[in-house]
Amino acid sequence: MQELINKIIQFGKIQGNEFNKGYLTGVAIVVLAILVLLVLRIILALIFRKKRCSSIKIKSDNGDTCVSRAAITSVVKSLEKEFKFINISRVNLYATKKVQFLDVLIDFDASGGGLPPQSDKFKERVLEAVKEVFGIATVRKVHIHLRNINLDKAPVKTLPSVNVPKIEVAKSTSTTEKAFKPEIKSDATDTSI
């Protein structure tokens, strides 16, 4: 116990130095800033978090209808007939406080063209199909995650050929060209090598 009291007294003496006070204040400010940032991150994560849903409830006057994720998945997978270059692997349903959105994991075949135009059409068609079949208007976004891509028969775009004019150099008759001959001198007394 006496050793602990002696260490506390020595620590008090060490703190008496102005440099040590400034150093300890700086360390305390850095630790406090880190704690504030961690608390802020936790608060923002709780506010903007998304959670995985297993179903969507559709409220009506005569009772609620619950549409499962499996039913939504089957409707989305039925769109593979329209988009033959997109193969749907998995569909997940997520929700925030106000909006639901779909996460669609796809395999893409590049032989049908580029992904951006096809994915935009696919997203629009998914939202339309979910609204048509189930009457769900709260699904507002479709996020596409590309799992695999097939580039075997992808169209290769070539750049158009450009005709570059030939540049002719006019030779002057008044100047004569001399061949370059380096001068090599050997000195037998040089031993610097």
Protein backbone atom coordinates (compact mmCIF):
# COMPACT_ATOMS: atom_id res chain seq x y z
CA MET A 1 0.00 0.00 0.00
CA GLN A 2 2.87 2.30 0.84
CA GLU A 3 4.39 1.68 -2.63
CA LEU A 4 1.17 2.75 -4.32
CA ILE A 5 1.07 5.98 -2.30
CA ASN A 6 4.72 6.66 -3.18
CA LYS A 7 3.97 6.15 -6.90
CA ILE A 8 1.01 8.53 -6.72
CA ILE A 9 3.17 11.16 -5.00
CA GLN A 10 5.92 10.71 -7.63
CA PHE A 11 3.31 11.04 -10.39
CA GLY A 12 2.17 14.31 -8.79
CA LYS A 13 5.74 15.57 -8.80
CA ILE A 14 6.20 14.60 -12.43
CA GLN A 15 3.02 16.49 -13.35
CA GLY A 16 4.47 19.64 -11.85
CA ASN A 17 6.66 20.14 -14.89
CA GLU A 18 5.07 22.45 -17.51
CA PHE A 19 6.10 20.22 -20.42
CA ASN A 20 4.51 17.17 -18.85
CA LYS A 21 1.29 19.08 -18.20
CA GLY A 22 1.09 20.07 -21.85
CA TYR A 23 1.89 16.55 -23.00
CA LEU A 24 -0.77 14.99 -20.78
CA THR A 25 -3.31 17.60 -21.91
CA GLY A 26 -2.59 16.76 -25.56
CA VAL A 27 -2.96 13.03 -24.92
CA ALA A 28 -6.24 13.65 -23.06
CA ILE A 29 -7.60 15.75 -25.96
CA VAL A 30 -6.69 13.07 -28.53
CA VAL A 31 -8.31 10.31 -26.45
CA LEU A 32 -11.42 12.44 -25.96
CA ALA A 33 -11.63 13.19 -29.72
CA ILE A 34 -11.37 9.47 -30.54
CA LEU A 35 -14.15 8.66 -28.07
CA VAL A 36 -16.39 11.39 -29.52
CA LEU A 37 -15.83 10.07 -33.07
CA LEU A 38 -16.63 6.51 -31.99
CA VAL A 39 -19.86 7.59 -30.29
CA LEU A 40 -20.81 9.66 -33.37
CA ARG A 41 -20.18 6.66 -35.63
CA ILE A 42 -22.38 4.42 -33.48
CA ILE A 43 -25.19 6.98 -33.49
CA LEU A 44 -25.01 7.41 -37.29
CA ALA A 45 -24.93 3.63 -37.78
CA LEU A 46 -28.09 3.29 -35.70
CA ILE A 47 -29.87 6.07 -37.57
CA PHE A 48 -28.98 4.96 -41.11
CA ARG A 49 -28.88 1.21 -40.62
CA LYS A 50 -30.55 -1.19 -42.94
CA LYS A 51 -31.94 -4.45 -41.76
CA ARG A 52 -32.71 -7.56 -43.68
CA CYS A 53 -36.41 -8.33 -43.98
CA SER A 54 -38.14 -11.61 -44.51
CA SER A 55 -41.38 -10.06 -45.76
CA ILE A 56 -43.28 -6.88 -46.59
CA LYS A 57 -46.63 -6.09 -45.01
CA ILE A 58 -49.26 -4.52 -47.20
CA LYS A 59 -51.86 -2.81 -45.03
CA SER A 60 -55.47 -2.58 -46.13
CA ASP A 61 -58.81 -1.88 -44.48
CA ASN A 62 -59.92 -5.51 -44.27
CA GLY A 63 -56.58 -6.92 -43.07
CA ASP A 64 -52.87 -7.05 -43.74
CA THR A 65 -51.19 -9.08 -46.47
CA CYS A 66 -47.67 -10.33 -45.87
CA VAL A 67 -45.53 -10.95 -48.99
CA SER A 68 -42.48 -13.09 -48.29
CA ARG A 69 -39.02 -12.64 -49.70
CA ALA A 70 -39.37 -15.99 -51.50
CA ALA A 71 -42.43 -14.71 -53.37
CA ILE A 72 -40.60 -11.55 -54.40
CA THR A 73 -37.60 -13.67 -55.45
CA SER A 74 -39.79 -15.83 -57.70
CA VAL A 75 -41.25 -12.75 -59.40
CA VAL A 76 -37.79 -11.25 -59.94
CA LYS A 77 -36.40 -14.56 -61.24
CA SER A 78 -39.26 -14.77 -63.73
CA LEU A 79 -37.73 -11.73 -65.45
CA GLU A 80 -34.78 -13.85 -66.61
CA LYS A 81 -36.87 -14.71 -69.68
CA GLU A 82 -36.88 -11.06 -70.74
CA PHE A 83 -33.20 -10.50 -69.94
CA LYS A 84 -31.44 -13.53 -71.35
CA PHE A 85 -27.95 -12.19 -70.59
CA ILE A 86 -28.68 -11.76 -66.87
CA ASN A 87 -28.82 -14.78 -64.57
CA ILE A 88 -30.24 -14.04 -61.11
CA SER A 89 -28.54 -15.87 -58.25
CA ARG A 90 -30.08 -14.35 -55.14
CA VAL A 91 -32.56 -11.67 -54.12
CA ASN A 92 -32.48 -10.08 -50.66
CA LEU A 93 -34.96 -7.65 -49.18
CA TYR A 94 -33.74 -4.81 -46.94
CA ALA A 95 -35.55 -2.01 -45.19
CA THR A 96 -34.78 1.28 -43.54
CA LYS A 97 -37.33 3.22 -41.52
CA LYS A 98 -39.24 4.46 -44.57
CA VAL A 99 -38.17 2.54 -47.68
CA GLN A 100 -37.57 -1.05 -48.71
CA PHE A 101 -35.07 -2.01 -51.40
CA LEU A 102 -33.93 -5.15 -53.15
CA ASP A 103 -30.39 -6.48 -53.41
CA VAL A 104 -30.07 -8.65 -56.52
CA LEU A 105 -26.98 -10.81 -57.06
CA ILE A 106 -26.51 -11.55 -60.76
CA ASP A 107 -24.24 -13.31 -63.23
CA PHE A 108 -23.83 -11.38 -66.46
CA ASP A 109 -23.05 -12.55 -70.00
CA ALA A 110 -21.28 -9.78 -71.92
CA SER A 111 -22.14 -11.20 -75.34
CA GLY A 112 -25.40 -9.22 -75.25
CA GLY A 113 -23.70 -5.87 -74.84
CA GLY A 114 -22.65 -3.72 -71.93
CA LEU A 115 -23.96 -3.98 -68.40
CA PRO A 116 -25.08 -0.36 -67.72
CA PRO A 117 -27.91 -0.14 -70.27
CA GLN A 118 -29.18 -3.62 -69.47
CA SER A 119 -28.99 -3.11 -65.71
CA ASP A 120 -30.97 0.13 -65.91
CA LYS A 121 -33.74 -1.59 -67.89
CA PHE A 122 -33.62 -4.54 -65.49
CA LYS A 123 -33.99 -2.32 -62.42
CA GLU A 124 -36.98 -0.51 -63.91
CA ARG A 125 -38.60 -3.80 -64.89
CA VAL A 126 -38.08 -5.28 -61.39
CA LEU A 127 -39.82 -2.30 -59.77
CA GLU A 128 -42.67 -2.54 -62.29
CA ALA A 129 -43.10 -6.30 -61.76
CA VAL A 130 -43.17 -6.02 -57.96
CA LYS A 131 -45.75 -3.24 -58.20
CA GLU A 132 -47.88 -5.08 -60.80
CA VAL A 133 -47.93 -8.46 -59.07
CA PHE A 134 -48.10 -7.48 -55.39
CA GLY A 135 -49.09 -3.82 -55.44
CA ILE A 136 -46.00 -2.93 -53.41
CA ALA A 137 -45.03 0.69 -53.98
CA THR A 138 -42.65 1.03 -51.05
CA VAL A 139 -39.83 -0.82 -52.83
CA ARG A 140 -38.08 2.14 -54.40
CA LYS A 141 -34.58 0.93 -55.25
CA VAL A 142 -32.91 -2.11 -56.74
CA HIS A 143 -29.21 -2.60 -56.01
CA ILE A 144 -27.39 -4.95 -58.37
CA HIS A 145 -24.31 -6.84 -57.26
CA LEU A 146 -22.33 -8.49 -60.04
CA ARG A 147 -21.06 -11.89 -58.93
CA ASN A 148 -19.65 -13.25 -62.17
CA ILE A 149 -19.22 -12.11 -65.75
CA ASN A 150 -18.80 -14.19 -68.90
CA LEU A 151 -16.54 -12.50 -71.47
CA ASP A 152 -16.14 -15.42 -73.89
CA LYS A 153 -18.29 -14.01 -76.67
CA ALA A 154 -18.13 -10.35 -75.70
CA PRO A 155 -18.18 -7.98 -78.64
CA VAL A 156 -14.85 -6.23 -79.06
CA LYS A 157 -15.10 -2.66 -80.21
CA THR A 158 -12.27 -1.48 -82.41
CA LEU A 159 -11.33 2.09 -82.94
CA PRO A 160 -12.00 3.47 -86.41
CA SER A 161 -8.95 3.69 -88.61
CA VAL A 162 -7.50 7.13 -88.99
CA ASN A 163 -5.66 8.22 -92.09
CA VAL A 164 -2.50 9.95 -90.97
CA PRO A 165 -0.90 12.09 -93.67
CA LYS A 166 2.71 11.35 -94.46
CA ILE A 167 5.17 14.07 -93.63
CA GLU A 168 7.90 14.57 -96.18
CA VAL A 169 11.16 16.13 -95.17
CA ALA A 170 12.74 18.36 -97.77
CA LYS A 171 16.49 17.89 -98.08
CA SER A 172 18.68 20.86 -98.67
CA THR A 173 21.41 20.42 -101.26
CA SER A 174 23.73 22.96 -99.68
CA THR A 175 24.50 20.95 -96.56
CA THR A 176 26.38 17.74 -96.51
CA GLU A 177 25.92 15.07 -93.93
CA LYS A 178 28.93 13.79 -92.09
CA ALA A 179 28.98 10.46 -90.38
CA PHE A 180 29.54 10.57 -86.66
CA LYS A 181 32.81 9.08 -85.55
CA PRO A 182 33.54 9.04 -81.84
CA GLU A 183 37.06 9.83 -80.79
CA ILE A 184 38.53 7.21 -78.53
CA LYS A 185 41.78 8.00 -76.81
CA SER A 186 43.56 5.42 -74.82
CA ASP A 187 46.03 6.30 -72.19
CA ALA A 188 48.16 3.44 -71.02
CA THR A 189 49.10 5.30 -67.83
CA ASP A 190 45.50 5.76 -66.72
CA THR A 191 44.77 3.23 -63.96
CA SER A 192 41.56 4.70 -62.67
CA ILE A 193 39.53 1.74 -63.88
